[in-house]
Protein backbone atom coordinates (compact mmCIF):
# COMPACT_ATOMS: atom_id res chain seq x y z
CA MET A 1 -14.73 -21.22 -2.37
CA LYS A 2 -18.19 -19.80 -1.75
CA ILE A 3 -19.67 -16.48 -2.79
CA SER A 4 -22.91 -14.87 -1.71
CA GLU A 5 -25.19 -12.78 -3.87
CA THR A 6 -28.01 -10.60 -2.61
CA PHE A 7 -30.65 -9.42 -5.02
CA ALA A 8 -31.73 -5.87 -4.23
CA GLU A 9 -35.29 -6.12 -5.46
CA THR A 10 -36.19 -9.27 -3.52
CA ASN A 11 -33.55 -9.10 -0.78
CA GLU A 12 -32.95 -12.78 -1.51
CA THR A 13 -29.44 -14.05 -0.78
CA ILE A 14 -27.93 -17.15 -2.29
CA VAL A 15 -24.62 -18.80 -1.48
CA ARG A 16 -22.90 -20.70 -4.26
CA ASP A 17 -19.52 -21.94 -5.37
CA MET A 18 -17.36 -19.48 -7.31
CA THR A 19 -16.97 -20.12 -11.01
CA GLU A 20 -13.52 -20.75 -12.48
CA GLU A 21 -13.59 -17.20 -13.89
CA GLU A 22 -14.40 -15.71 -10.48
CA LEU A 23 -11.68 -17.78 -8.82
CA GLY A 24 -9.20 -16.62 -11.45
CA GLN A 25 -10.18 -12.98 -10.96
CA ARG A 26 -9.92 -13.35 -7.19
CA GLN A 27 -6.42 -14.76 -7.49
CA LYS A 28 -5.46 -11.96 -9.88
CA ASP A 29 -6.82 -9.36 -7.44
CA ILE A 30 -4.87 -10.90 -4.54
CA GLU A 31 -1.66 -10.83 -6.59
CA GLU A 32 -2.24 -7.22 -7.65
CA GLN A 33 -2.82 -6.15 -4.04
CA ALA A 34 0.36 -7.93 -2.96
CA GLN A 35 2.27 -6.15 -5.73
CA LEU A 36 0.86 -2.76 -4.73
CA LYS A 37 1.71 -3.38 -1.09
CA ALA A 38 5.28 -4.34 -2.01
CA GLU A 39 5.64 -1.20 -4.15
CA GLN A 40 4.32 0.99 -1.32
CA GLU A 41 6.68 -0.60 1.19
CA LYS A 42 9.60 -0.13 -1.21
CA ALA A 43 8.70 3.54 -1.72
CA GLN A 44 8.45 4.07 2.05
CA ALA A 45 11.83 2.42 2.58
CA GLU A 46 13.39 4.59 -0.15
CA THR A 47 11.92 7.73 1.41
CA ALA A 48 13.23 6.76 4.83
CA ALA A 49 16.68 6.06 3.36
CA LYS A 50 16.74 9.43 1.59
CA LYS A 51 15.71 11.19 4.79
CA ALA A 52 18.44 9.41 6.76
CA ALA A 53 21.02 10.28 4.10
CA ALA A 54 19.95 13.93 4.15
CA GLN A 55 20.16 14.04 7.93
CA ALA A 56 23.63 12.46 7.78
CA LYS A 57 24.77 15.12 5.31
CA LEU A 58 23.40 17.84 7.57
CA ALA A 59 25.15 16.30 10.56
CA ALA A 60 28.41 16.24 8.60
CA LEU A 61 27.98 19.98 8.08
CA GLY A 62 27.19 20.44 11.75
CA LEU A 63 23.52 21.23 11.13
CA THR A 64 20.31 19.69 12.39
CA ALA A 65 16.81 19.73 10.97
CA ASP A 66 15.94 22.34 13.61
CA ASP A 67 18.80 24.54 12.31
CA LEU A 68 17.29 24.39 8.81
CA LYS A 69 13.86 25.26 10.17
CA ALA A 70 15.37 28.23 11.97
CA LEU A 71 16.92 29.34 8.68
CA GLY A 72 13.59 28.95 6.93
CA LEU A 73 14.72 26.07 4.71
């Protein structure tokens, strides 16, 4: 895999192969991002499930979200 470096003082850009350390760090970063994305998706799914459960409980009581808003809750 290639990497490019640009030196600010000279504006010179070089393209070179990544070192083993850089490749390892890149792989680690990709895995961390995948983990974060999975955690975010899980949290969103849990939130949606809680909202659906709350709405089901309200419906069982004969209330809607609009009824709660009208009551100021």
